[in-house]
């Protein structure tokens, strides 16, 4: 099935597309007799678009670095904070009112790691699949994926605490859509807990 639009949607795809366009346009324009002014104007527009898309990628990279640093810090500190808080809550004289003040109460009173089953949704978008999961008390989420028909899930993203997450993995057959299945599982510290989410699926369309 032909693409609805030849101009990509995602920032990375835009950078790739404009880079190729800029590299090839001079030779084609010369062969077909386009004027230098026409080529210059077109290349200026392409460059503006490329720079804007690259700026998004740079910001995303900065955010990913900062998020990774936060996740690393949480991996060491959150389990200790949880342990200290549990000791605090079990101390004689600590009340539910104290728990509400500190915002350390759950709906059931205590978090049950074994019962944690994060909900997961997958939505097909141009050039990506948008995944959204809820931690439901876990520190983070591990995301897994596989091509429909395969039996083994592979880790797609580890210890995600921020959603949505975009799966932009290139398809096995370049340029062809493929149906993918996804599953999520909660993480406390460095350990997976509870039950995997229900398996959800979406079509990746390049």
N, C-alpha and C. Protein backbone atom coordinates (compact mmCIF):
# COMPACT_ATOMS: atom_id res chain seq x y z
N UNK A 1 0.85 -1.19 0.00
CA UNK A 1 0.00 0.00 0.00
C UNK A 1 0.88 1.24 0.00
N UNK A 2 0.66 2.21 -0.90
CA UNK A 2 1.50 3.41 -0.95
C UNK A 2 1.32 4.28 0.29
N UNK A 3 2.36 5.04 0.63
CA UNK A 3 2.28 5.96 1.76
C UNK A 3 1.25 7.05 1.48
N UNK A 4 0.58 7.52 2.51
CA UNK A 4 -0.34 8.64 2.36
C UNK A 4 0.43 9.93 2.09
N UNK A 5 1.63 10.04 2.65
CA UNK A 5 2.43 11.24 2.48
C UNK A 5 3.89 10.83 2.45
N UNK A 6 4.64 11.34 1.48
CA UNK A 6 6.04 10.97 1.37
C UNK A 6 6.92 11.69 2.39
N UNK A 7 6.40 12.75 3.02
CA UNK A 7 7.16 13.46 4.04
C UNK A 7 6.93 12.77 5.38
N UNK A 8 8.00 12.31 6.05
CA UNK A 8 7.84 11.56 7.30
C UNK A 8 7.26 12.41 8.42
N UNK A 9 6.83 11.72 9.47
CA UNK A 9 6.21 12.39 10.61
C UNK A 9 7.18 12.55 11.78
N UNK A 10 7.96 11.52 12.07
CA UNK A 10 8.82 11.56 13.25
C UNK A 10 10.07 12.40 12.99
N UNK A 11 10.66 12.93 14.07
CA UNK A 11 11.83 13.79 13.94
C UNK A 11 13.01 13.05 13.31
N UNK A 12 13.27 11.82 13.76
CA UNK A 12 14.40 11.08 13.21
C UNK A 12 14.20 10.80 11.73
N UNK A 13 13.00 10.42 11.35
CA UNK A 13 12.73 10.14 9.94
C UNK A 13 12.85 11.41 9.10
N UNK A 14 12.45 12.55 9.67
CA UNK A 14 12.58 13.82 8.95
C UNK A 14 14.04 14.18 8.72
N UNK A 15 14.88 13.97 9.73
CA UNK A 15 16.30 14.24 9.57
C UNK A 15 16.88 13.36 8.45
N UNK A 16 16.55 12.09 8.48
CA UNK A 16 17.06 11.17 7.45
C UNK A 16 16.56 11.57 6.06
N UNK A 17 15.28 11.91 5.98
CA UNK A 17 14.67 12.23 4.69
C UNK A 17 15.27 13.51 4.11
N UNK A 18 15.36 14.56 4.93
CA UNK A 18 15.90 15.83 4.43
C UNK A 18 17.39 15.71 4.11
N UNK A 19 18.13 14.93 4.88
CA UNK A 19 19.56 14.74 4.58
C UNK A 19 19.75 14.11 3.21
N UNK A 20 18.94 13.10 2.92
CA UNK A 20 19.02 12.45 1.60
C UNK A 20 18.60 13.41 0.49
N UNK A 21 17.52 14.15 0.72
CA UNK A 21 17.01 15.10 -0.28
C UNK A 21 18.10 16.12 -0.63
N UNK A 22 18.72 16.68 0.41
CA UNK A 22 19.76 17.70 0.21
C UNK A 22 20.97 17.13 -0.54
N UNK A 23 21.27 15.86 -0.29
CA UNK A 23 22.42 15.24 -0.94
C UNK A 23 22.17 14.95 -2.42
N UNK A 24 20.92 14.74 -2.79
CA UNK A 24 20.61 14.30 -4.15
C UNK A 24 20.05 15.39 -5.06
N UNK A 25 19.54 16.49 -4.49
CA UNK A 25 18.78 17.44 -5.29
C UNK A 25 19.62 18.17 -6.32
N UNK A 26 20.89 18.48 -6.02
CA UNK A 26 21.70 19.25 -6.98
C UNK A 26 21.84 18.54 -8.32
N UNK A 27 22.16 17.26 -8.27
CA UNK A 27 22.36 16.50 -9.50
C UNK A 27 21.07 16.42 -10.30
N UNK A 28 19.95 16.17 -9.63
CA UNK A 28 18.67 16.05 -10.33
C UNK A 28 18.24 17.40 -10.90
N UNK A 29 18.41 18.47 -10.11
CA UNK A 29 18.00 19.79 -10.57
C UNK A 29 18.82 20.22 -11.78
N UNK A 30 20.11 19.91 -11.78
CA UNK A 30 20.96 20.25 -12.92
C UNK A 30 20.51 19.50 -14.17
N UNK A 31 20.18 18.23 -14.02
CA UNK A 31 19.80 17.41 -15.16
C UNK A 31 18.50 17.88 -15.79
N UNK A 32 17.55 18.34 -14.96
CA UNK A 32 16.24 18.73 -15.50
C UNK A 32 16.15 20.22 -15.79
N UNK A 33 17.23 20.95 -15.51
CA UNK A 33 17.26 22.36 -15.87
C UNK A 33 16.63 23.33 -14.90
N UNK A 34 16.56 22.96 -13.63
CA UNK A 34 16.05 23.89 -12.63
C UNK A 34 17.05 25.01 -12.42
N UNK A 35 16.56 26.21 -12.14
CA UNK A 35 17.45 27.34 -11.93
C UNK A 35 18.11 27.26 -10.56
N UNK A 36 19.24 27.96 -10.45
CA UNK A 36 19.95 27.99 -9.17
C UNK A 36 19.09 28.59 -8.07
N UNK A 37 18.30 29.60 -8.43
CA UNK A 37 17.44 30.25 -7.43
C UNK A 37 16.39 29.29 -6.89
N UNK A 38 15.80 28.49 -7.78
CA UNK A 38 14.81 27.50 -7.33
C UNK A 38 15.43 26.47 -6.40
N UNK A 39 16.60 25.99 -6.77
CA UNK A 39 17.28 24.99 -5.95
C UNK A 39 17.66 25.57 -4.60
N UNK A 40 18.18 26.80 -4.61
CA UNK A 40 18.59 27.44 -3.35
C UNK A 40 17.40 27.62 -2.41
N UNK A 41 16.25 28.04 -2.94
CA UNK A 41 15.06 28.22 -2.10
C UNK A 41 14.58 26.90 -1.52
N UNK A 42 14.58 25.86 -2.36
CA UNK A 42 14.15 24.55 -1.88
C UNK A 42 15.09 24.03 -0.80
N UNK A 43 16.39 24.15 -1.03
CA UNK A 43 17.36 23.65 -0.05
C UNK A 43 17.28 24.42 1.26
N UNK A 44 16.96 25.71 1.19
CA UNK A 44 16.80 26.49 2.42
C UNK A 44 15.63 25.96 3.24
N UNK A 45 14.53 25.63 2.56
CA UNK A 45 13.37 25.08 3.27
C UNK A 45 13.69 23.71 3.88
N UNK A 46 14.37 22.89 3.11
CA UNK A 46 14.76 21.56 3.61
C UNK A 46 15.68 21.69 4.82
N UNK A 47 16.62 22.60 4.75
CA UNK A 47 17.57 22.79 5.85
C UNK A 47 16.87 23.30 7.10
N UNK A 48 15.92 24.21 6.92
CA UNK A 48 15.16 24.72 8.07
C UNK A 48 14.40 23.58 8.74
N UNK A 49 13.76 22.74 7.94
CA UNK A 49 13.02 21.61 8.49
C UNK A 49 13.96 20.62 9.17
N UNK A 50 15.09 20.34 8.53
CA UNK A 50 16.06 19.41 9.11
C UNK A 50 16.58 19.92 10.44
N UNK A 51 16.93 21.21 10.51
CA UNK A 51 17.47 21.76 11.75
C UNK A 51 16.43 21.71 12.88
N UNK A 52 15.18 21.97 12.55
CA UNK A 52 14.13 21.92 13.57
C UNK A 52 13.94 20.49 14.08
N UNK A 53 13.96 19.52 13.15
CA UNK A 53 13.82 18.12 13.57
C UNK A 53 15.03 17.67 14.39
N UNK A 54 16.22 18.11 14.01
CA UNK A 54 17.42 17.75 14.76
C UNK A 54 17.38 18.35 16.16
N UNK A 55 16.84 19.57 16.28
CA UNK A 55 16.71 20.19 17.60
C UNK A 55 15.83 19.35 18.52
N UNK A 56 14.76 18.79 17.93
CA UNK A 56 13.89 17.90 18.73
C UNK A 56 14.67 16.68 19.20
N UNK A 57 15.46 16.08 18.29
CA UNK A 57 16.25 14.90 18.66
C UNK A 57 17.27 15.24 19.75
N UNK A 58 17.88 16.43 19.64
CA UNK A 58 18.86 16.83 20.65
C UNK A 58 18.20 16.99 22.02
N UNK A 59 17.00 17.59 22.02
CA UNK A 59 16.28 17.76 23.28
C UNK A 59 15.85 16.41 23.84
N UNK A 60 15.42 15.52 22.95
CA UNK A 60 15.03 14.18 23.41
C UNK A 60 16.22 13.45 24.00
N UNK A 61 17.40 13.63 23.38
CA UNK A 61 18.60 12.98 23.90
C UNK A 61 18.95 13.53 25.27
N UNK A 62 18.86 14.86 25.43
CA UNK A 62 19.13 15.46 26.74
C UNK A 62 18.15 14.93 27.78
N UNK A 63 16.88 14.83 27.38
CA UNK A 63 15.87 14.33 28.30
C UNK A 63 16.13 12.87 28.65
N UNK A 64 16.51 12.06 27.65
CA UNK A 64 16.81 10.65 27.91
C UNK A 64 17.99 10.51 28.87
N UNK A 65 19.01 11.36 28.70
CA UNK A 65 20.16 11.31 29.60
C UNK A 65 19.74 11.66 31.02
N UNK A 66 18.97 12.76 31.15
CA UNK A 66 18.51 13.17 32.48
C UNK A 66 17.61 12.12 33.10
N UNK A 67 16.73 11.51 32.27
CA UNK A 67 15.84 10.47 32.78
C UNK A 67 16.64 9.25 33.21
N UNK A 68 17.67 8.90 32.43
CA UNK A 68 18.53 7.78 32.81
C UNK A 68 19.23 8.03 34.14
N UNK A 69 19.70 9.27 34.34
CA UNK A 69 20.34 9.62 35.61
C UNK A 69 19.36 9.52 36.77
N UNK A 70 18.13 9.99 36.50
CA UNK A 70 17.09 9.89 37.53
C UNK A 70 16.79 8.44 37.86
N UNK A 71 16.65 7.60 36.82
CA UNK A 71 16.34 6.19 37.04
C UNK A 71 17.46 5.50 37.82
N UNK A 72 18.70 5.84 37.51
CA UNK A 72 19.82 5.25 38.24
C UNK A 72 19.78 5.65 39.71
N UNK A 73 19.49 6.93 39.95
CA UNK A 73 19.38 7.41 41.32
C UNK A 73 18.23 6.74 42.05
N UNK A 74 17.09 6.64 41.37
CA UNK A 74 15.93 5.99 41.99
C UNK A 74 16.22 4.54 42.34
N UNK A 75 17.01 3.87 41.46
CA UNK A 75 17.32 2.47 41.72
C UNK A 75 18.03 2.26 43.03
N UNK A 76 18.84 3.26 43.44
CA UNK A 76 19.53 3.13 44.71
C UNK A 76 18.76 3.69 45.88
N UNK A 77 18.04 4.79 45.67
CA UNK A 77 17.41 5.50 46.77
C UNK A 77 15.99 5.05 47.08
N UNK A 78 15.20 4.74 46.04
CA UNK A 78 13.78 4.40 46.27
C UNK A 78 13.61 3.18 47.17
N UNK A 79 14.36 2.07 46.94
CA UNK A 79 14.19 0.93 47.85
C UNK A 79 14.49 1.28 49.31
N UNK A 80 15.49 2.14 49.52
CA UNK A 80 15.83 2.54 50.89
C UNK A 80 14.75 3.44 51.48
N UNK A 81 14.22 4.35 50.67
CA UNK A 81 13.12 5.21 51.13
C UNK A 81 11.90 4.37 51.45
N UNK A 82 11.62 3.37 50.59
CA UNK A 82 10.48 2.49 50.85
C UNK A 82 10.66 1.72 52.15
N UNK A 83 11.90 1.24 52.37
CA UNK A 83 12.19 0.48 53.59
C UNK A 83 12.05 1.38 54.82
N UNK A 84 12.61 2.59 54.75
CA UNK A 84 12.49 3.53 55.87
C UNK A 84 11.04 3.89 56.14
N UNK A 85 10.28 4.09 55.05
CA UNK A 85 8.87 4.46 55.21
C UNK A 85 8.07 3.32 55.84
N UNK A 86 8.35 2.09 55.42
CA UNK A 86 7.67 0.94 56.03
C UNK A 86 7.99 0.85 57.52
N UNK A 87 9.24 1.11 57.87
CA UNK A 87 9.62 1.11 59.30
C UNK A 87 8.89 2.23 60.04
N UNK A 88 8.79 3.40 59.38
CA UNK A 88 8.09 4.53 59.99
C UNK A 88 6.63 4.19 60.23
N UNK A 89 5.99 3.57 59.24
CA UNK A 89 4.57 3.26 59.35
C UNK A 89 4.29 2.18 60.39
N UNK A 90 5.31 1.35 60.65
CA UNK A 90 5.11 0.29 61.65
C UNK A 90 5.50 0.73 63.06
N UNK A 91 5.97 1.98 63.18
CA UNK A 91 6.36 2.49 64.49
C UNK A 91 5.12 2.82 65.32
N UNK A 92 5.15 2.46 66.60
CA UNK A 92 4.03 2.72 67.49
C UNK A 92 3.72 4.21 67.53
N UNK A 93 2.46 4.56 67.33
CA UNK A 93 2.04 5.95 67.36
C UNK A 93 1.80 6.53 65.99
N UNK A 94 2.32 5.87 64.95
CA UNK A 94 2.09 6.36 63.59
C UNK A 94 0.65 6.05 63.19
N UNK A 95 -0.07 7.05 62.68
CA UNK A 95 -1.49 6.89 62.38
C UNK A 95 -1.75 7.01 60.88
N UNK A 96 -2.98 6.63 60.49
CA UNK A 96 -3.38 6.81 59.09
C UNK A 96 -3.35 8.29 58.71
N UNK A 97 -3.64 9.16 59.68
CA UNK A 97 -3.56 10.60 59.42
C UNK A 97 -2.14 11.01 59.06
N UNK A 98 -1.16 10.43 59.77
CA UNK A 98 0.24 10.70 59.42
C UNK A 98 0.54 10.20 58.00
N UNK A 99 -0.02 9.03 57.68
CA UNK A 99 0.19 8.48 56.35
C UNK A 99 -0.39 9.35 55.27
N UNK A 100 -1.59 9.93 55.53
CA UNK A 100 -2.20 10.82 54.56
C UNK A 100 -1.39 12.11 54.43
N UNK A 101 -0.88 12.60 55.54
CA UNK A 101 -0.07 13.81 55.50
C UNK A 101 1.17 13.62 54.63
N UNK A 102 1.81 12.46 54.75
CA UNK A 102 3.02 12.17 53.98
C UNK A 102 2.72 11.57 52.61
N UNK A 103 1.42 11.28 52.36
CA UNK A 103 1.01 10.67 51.10
C UNK A 103 1.71 9.33 50.88
N UNK A 104 1.67 8.48 51.90
CA UNK A 104 2.31 7.17 51.81
C UNK A 104 1.32 6.03 52.02
N UNK A 105 0.03 6.33 51.87
CA UNK A 105 -0.98 5.29 51.97
C UNK A 105 -1.44 4.90 50.58
N UNK A 106 -1.74 3.61 50.39
CA UNK A 106 -2.33 3.14 49.14
C UNK A 106 -3.80 2.83 49.39
N UNK A 107 -4.52 2.60 48.30
CA UNK A 107 -5.96 2.34 48.42
C UNK A 107 -6.22 1.12 49.29
N UNK A 108 -5.34 0.14 49.20
CA UNK A 108 -5.54 -1.08 49.99
C UNK A 108 -4.76 -1.03 51.30
N UNK A 109 -4.14 0.10 51.58
CA UNK A 109 -3.36 0.22 52.80
C UNK A 109 -1.90 -0.06 52.56
N UNK A 110 -1.55 -1.12 51.85
CA UNK A 110 -0.18 -1.50 51.58
C UNK A 110 -0.06 -1.96 50.13
N UNK A 111 1.07 -1.65 49.52
CA UNK A 111 1.33 -2.07 48.15
C UNK A 111 1.67 -3.56 48.12
N UNK A 112 1.00 -4.29 47.24
CA UNK A 112 1.24 -5.73 47.09
C UNK A 112 2.02 -5.97 45.80
N UNK A 113 3.34 -6.17 45.88
CA UNK A 113 4.15 -6.37 44.67
C UNK A 113 3.68 -7.56 43.84
N UNK A 114 3.25 -8.63 44.52
CA UNK A 114 2.85 -9.83 43.78
C UNK A 114 1.59 -9.60 42.96
N UNK A 115 0.78 -8.63 43.35
CA UNK A 115 -0.47 -8.38 42.64
C UNK A 115 -0.36 -7.30 41.58
N UNK A 116 0.84 -6.77 41.41
CA UNK A 116 1.02 -5.67 40.44
C UNK A 116 0.91 -6.19 39.01
N UNK A 117 -0.03 -5.65 38.24
CA UNK A 117 -0.21 -6.01 36.84
C UNK A 117 -0.48 -4.72 36.07
N UNK A 118 0.53 -4.14 35.45
CA UNK A 118 0.35 -2.83 34.82
C UNK A 118 -0.51 -2.90 33.56
N UNK A 119 -1.49 -2.00 33.42
CA UNK A 119 -2.24 -1.93 32.16
C UNK A 119 -1.37 -1.32 31.06
N UNK A 120 -1.55 -1.79 29.84
CA UNK A 120 -0.74 -1.34 28.71
C UNK A 120 -1.62 -1.13 27.50
N UNK A 121 -1.38 -0.04 26.78
CA UNK A 121 -2.07 0.21 25.52
C UNK A 121 -1.04 0.49 24.43
N UNK A 122 -1.38 0.13 23.20
CA UNK A 122 -0.51 0.36 22.04
C UNK A 122 -1.34 0.98 20.93
N UNK A 123 -0.86 2.11 20.40
CA UNK A 123 -1.58 2.83 19.35
C UNK A 123 -0.64 3.06 18.17
N UNK A 124 -1.09 2.65 17.00
CA UNK A 124 -0.29 2.83 15.79
C UNK A 124 -0.29 4.29 15.36
N UNK A 125 0.92 4.83 15.15
CA UNK A 125 1.10 6.19 14.66
C UNK A 125 2.04 6.13 13.46
N UNK A 126 2.08 7.17 12.62
CA UNK A 126 3.01 7.15 11.49
C UNK A 126 4.46 7.02 11.95
N UNK A 127 5.12 5.95 11.55
CA UNK A 127 6.52 5.75 11.87
C UNK A 127 6.81 5.32 13.28
N UNK A 128 5.78 4.94 14.05
CA UNK A 128 5.99 4.54 15.44
C UNK A 128 4.75 3.85 15.99
N UNK A 129 4.95 3.18 17.11
CA UNK A 129 3.84 2.67 17.90
C UNK A 129 3.94 3.33 19.27
N UNK A 130 2.89 4.00 19.68
CA UNK A 130 2.88 4.71 20.95
C UNK A 130 2.38 3.78 22.06
N UNK A 131 3.22 3.57 23.06
CA UNK A 131 2.91 2.67 24.17
C UNK A 131 2.70 3.48 25.44
N UNK A 132 1.63 3.15 26.15
CA UNK A 132 1.32 3.82 27.42
C UNK A 132 1.03 2.76 28.47
N UNK A 133 1.73 2.86 29.60
CA UNK A 133 1.53 1.91 30.70
C UNK A 133 1.38 2.69 32.00
N UNK A 134 0.71 2.09 32.97
CA UNK A 134 0.59 2.66 34.30
C UNK A 134 1.36 1.78 35.28
N UNK A 135 2.12 2.43 36.17
CA UNK A 135 3.01 1.69 37.07
C UNK A 135 2.24 0.97 38.19
N UNK A 136 1.10 1.51 38.58
CA UNK A 136 0.27 0.87 39.62
C UNK A 136 1.06 0.53 40.88
N UNK A 137 1.92 1.46 41.32
CA UNK A 137 2.67 1.27 42.54
C UNK A 137 4.10 0.83 42.34
N UNK A 138 4.44 0.34 41.15
CA UNK A 138 5.82 -0.06 40.87
C UNK A 138 6.68 1.18 40.67
N UNK A 139 8.01 0.99 40.76
CA UNK A 139 8.92 2.11 40.52
C UNK A 139 9.00 2.45 39.03
N UNK A 140 8.92 1.43 38.19
CA UNK A 140 9.10 1.62 36.75
C UNK A 140 8.47 0.43 36.02
N UNK A 141 8.60 0.45 34.69
CA UNK A 141 8.03 -0.59 33.84
C UNK A 141 9.08 -1.08 32.85
N UNK A 142 9.17 -2.39 32.69
CA UNK A 142 9.93 -2.98 31.59
C UNK A 142 8.97 -3.29 30.46
N UNK A 143 9.33 -2.88 29.24
CA UNK A 143 8.51 -3.12 28.06
C UNK A 143 9.15 -4.19 27.18
N UNK A 144 8.32 -5.10 26.69
CA UNK A 144 8.79 -6.18 25.82
C UNK A 144 8.00 -6.15 24.51
N UNK A 145 8.63 -6.64 23.45
CA UNK A 145 7.94 -6.68 22.16
C UNK A 145 8.35 -7.92 21.38
N UNK A 146 7.52 -8.25 20.41
CA UNK A 146 7.82 -9.32 19.46
C UNK A 146 6.96 -9.09 18.22
N UNK A 147 7.40 -9.62 17.09
CA UNK A 147 6.58 -9.60 15.89
C UNK A 147 5.50 -10.67 16.04
N UNK A 148 4.28 -10.34 15.66
CA UNK A 148 3.18 -11.30 15.80
C UNK A 148 3.54 -12.60 15.08
N UNK A 149 3.35 -13.70 15.77
CA UNK A 149 3.71 -15.01 15.24
C UNK A 149 4.95 -15.57 15.90
N UNK A 150 5.80 -14.70 16.46
CA UNK A 150 6.96 -15.17 17.20
C UNK A 150 6.52 -15.61 18.60
N UNK A 151 7.35 -16.39 19.25
CA UNK A 151 6.99 -16.92 20.57
C UNK A 151 7.71 -16.23 21.72
N UNK A 152 8.83 -15.58 21.43
CA UNK A 152 9.66 -15.02 22.49
C UNK A 152 9.60 -13.49 22.45
N UNK A 153 9.31 -12.89 23.61
CA UNK A 153 9.37 -11.45 23.75
C UNK A 153 10.81 -11.01 23.98
N UNK A 154 11.18 -9.87 23.41
CA UNK A 154 12.50 -9.28 23.63
C UNK A 154 12.33 -7.94 24.35
N UNK A 155 13.30 -7.65 25.23
CA UNK A 155 13.23 -6.39 25.98
C UNK A 155 13.32 -5.20 25.02
N UNK A 156 12.34 -4.33 25.09
CA UNK A 156 12.29 -3.14 24.24
C UNK A 156 12.81 -1.91 24.99
N UNK A 157 12.40 -1.76 26.24
CA UNK A 157 12.82 -0.61 27.05
C UNK A 157 12.81 -1.02 28.52
N UNK A 158 13.88 -0.69 29.23
CA UNK A 158 14.02 -1.09 30.62
C UNK A 158 13.74 0.07 31.57
N UNK A 159 13.02 -0.22 32.64
CA UNK A 159 12.81 0.70 33.75
C UNK A 159 12.29 2.06 33.29
N UNK A 160 11.22 2.02 32.49
CA UNK A 160 10.59 3.26 32.04
C UNK A 160 9.63 3.76 33.12
N UNK A 161 9.77 5.03 33.47
CA UNK A 161 8.83 5.63 34.41
C UNK A 161 8.04 6.75 33.76
N UNK A 162 8.38 7.08 32.53
CA UNK A 162 7.72 8.18 31.81
C UNK A 162 7.06 7.63 30.54
N UNK A 163 5.78 7.98 30.36
CA UNK A 163 5.02 7.52 29.20
C UNK A 163 4.27 8.70 28.60
N UNK A 164 3.94 8.63 27.29
CA UNK A 164 4.06 7.46 26.41
C UNK A 164 5.50 7.21 25.96
N UNK A 165 5.74 5.99 25.50
CA UNK A 165 7.02 5.59 24.92
C UNK A 165 6.78 5.22 23.47
N UNK A 166 7.63 5.70 22.56
CA UNK A 166 7.48 5.43 21.14
C UNK A 166 8.41 4.30 20.69
N UNK A 167 7.83 3.25 20.15
CA UNK A 167 8.62 2.19 19.52
C UNK A 167 8.85 2.59 18.07
N UNK A 168 10.10 2.94 17.74
CA UNK A 168 10.45 3.34 16.37
C UNK A 168 11.39 2.33 15.73
N UNK A 169 11.43 1.10 16.28
CA UNK A 169 12.29 0.06 15.73
C UNK A 169 11.98 -0.18 14.26
N UNK A 170 12.99 -0.15 13.38
CA UNK A 170 12.72 -0.39 11.95
C UNK A 170 12.13 -1.78 11.73
N UNK A 171 11.24 -1.93 10.76
CA UNK A 171 10.65 -3.24 10.48
C UNK A 171 11.69 -4.21 9.92
N UNK A 172 11.43 -5.49 10.06
CA UNK A 172 12.35 -6.51 9.55
C UNK A 172 12.49 -6.37 8.04
N UNK A 173 11.37 -6.15 7.35
CA UNK A 173 11.40 -5.89 5.91
C UNK A 173 11.28 -4.39 5.70
N UNK A 174 12.35 -3.72 5.28
CA UNK A 174 12.33 -2.26 5.17
C UNK A 174 11.15 -1.76 4.35
N UNK A 175 10.48 -0.74 4.90
CA UNK A 175 9.38 -0.11 4.19
C UNK A 175 8.06 -0.82 4.29
N UNK A 176 8.03 -1.99 4.92
CA UNK A 176 6.79 -2.77 4.99
C UNK A 176 6.19 -2.71 6.40
N UNK A 177 4.86 -2.58 6.50
CA UNK A 177 4.23 -2.61 7.83
C UNK A 177 4.33 -3.99 8.45
N UNK A 178 4.33 -4.04 9.78
CA UNK A 178 4.34 -5.33 10.47
C UNK A 178 3.55 -5.22 11.76
N UNK A 179 2.89 -6.31 12.12
CA UNK A 179 2.11 -6.33 13.35
C UNK A 179 3.01 -6.74 14.50
N UNK A 180 2.97 -5.96 15.57
CA UNK A 180 3.81 -6.22 16.73
C UNK A 180 2.96 -6.43 17.96
N UNK A 181 3.47 -7.25 18.88
CA UNK A 181 2.80 -7.50 20.16
C UNK A 181 3.68 -6.97 21.28
N UNK A 182 3.02 -6.50 22.33
CA UNK A 182 3.75 -5.86 23.43
C UNK A 182 3.24 -6.39 24.77
N UNK A 183 4.14 -6.33 25.76
CA UNK A 183 3.79 -6.72 27.12
C UNK A 183 4.62 -5.86 28.09
N UNK A 184 4.05 -5.56 29.23
CA UNK A 184 4.72 -4.75 30.24
C UNK A 184 4.73 -5.49 31.56
N UNK A 185 5.76 -5.21 32.38
CA UNK A 185 5.82 -5.78 33.72
C UNK A 185 6.44 -4.76 34.66
N UNK A 186 5.93 -4.71 35.89
CA UNK A 186 6.40 -3.74 36.86
C UNK A 186 7.79 -4.06 37.38
N UNK A 187 8.49 -3.01 37.84
CA UNK A 187 9.83 -3.14 38.38
C UNK A 187 9.91 -2.40 39.72
N UNK A 188 10.47 -3.08 40.72
CA UNK A 188 10.81 -2.45 41.99
C UNK A 188 12.32 -2.55 42.15
N UNK A 189 12.98 -1.40 42.27
CA UNK A 189 14.44 -1.44 42.32
C UNK A 189 14.97 -1.96 40.99
N UNK A 190 15.64 -3.10 41.03
CA UNK A 190 16.13 -3.74 39.80
C UNK A 190 15.35 -5.01 39.46
N UNK A 191 14.32 -5.33 40.24
CA UNK A 191 13.64 -6.62 40.09
C UNK A 191 12.26 -6.46 39.48
N UNK A 192 11.92 -7.37 38.56
CA UNK A 192 10.57 -7.41 38.03
C UNK A 192 9.64 -8.04 39.06
N UNK A 193 8.43 -7.51 39.12
CA UNK A 193 7.48 -7.96 40.14
C UNK A 193 6.13 -8.24 39.49
N UNK A 194 5.29 -8.95 40.25
CA UNK A 194 3.90 -9.13 39.87
C UNK A 194 3.71 -9.94 38.60
N UNK A 195 2.65 -9.59 37.88
CA UNK A 195 2.26 -10.32 36.69
C UNK A 195 2.44 -9.46 35.44
N UNK A 196 2.81 -10.06 34.31
CA UNK A 196 2.89 -9.27 33.07
C UNK A 196 1.52 -8.75 32.68
N UNK A 197 1.52 -7.64 31.98
CA UNK A 197 0.27 -7.09 31.47
C UNK A 197 -0.33 -8.03 30.43
N UNK A 198 -1.58 -7.78 30.11
CA UNK A 198 -2.17 -8.48 28.96
C UNK A 198 -1.38 -8.10 27.70
N UNK A 199 -1.30 -9.01 26.76
CA UNK A 199 -0.60 -8.74 25.51
C UNK A 199 -1.47 -7.84 24.63
N UNK A 200 -0.88 -6.76 24.12
CA UNK A 200 -1.59 -5.86 23.21
C UNK A 200 -0.81 -5.83 21.89
N UNK A 201 -1.49 -5.43 20.82
CA UNK A 201 -0.85 -5.45 19.51
C UNK A 201 -1.17 -4.15 18.76
N UNK A 202 -0.30 -3.84 17.79
CA UNK A 202 -0.50 -2.67 16.93
C UNK A 202 0.31 -2.89 15.66
N UNK A 203 -0.10 -2.21 14.60
CA UNK A 203 0.60 -2.29 13.31
C UNK A 203 1.63 -1.15 13.26
N UNK A 204 2.90 -1.52 13.02
CA UNK A 204 3.93 -0.51 12.79
C UNK A 204 3.92 -0.19 11.30
N UNK A 205 3.71 1.10 10.99
CA UNK A 205 3.69 1.53 9.59
C UNK A 205 4.83 2.51 9.35
N UNK A 206 5.84 2.15 8.55
CA UNK A 206 6.99 3.04 8.31
C UNK A 206 6.56 4.37 7.71
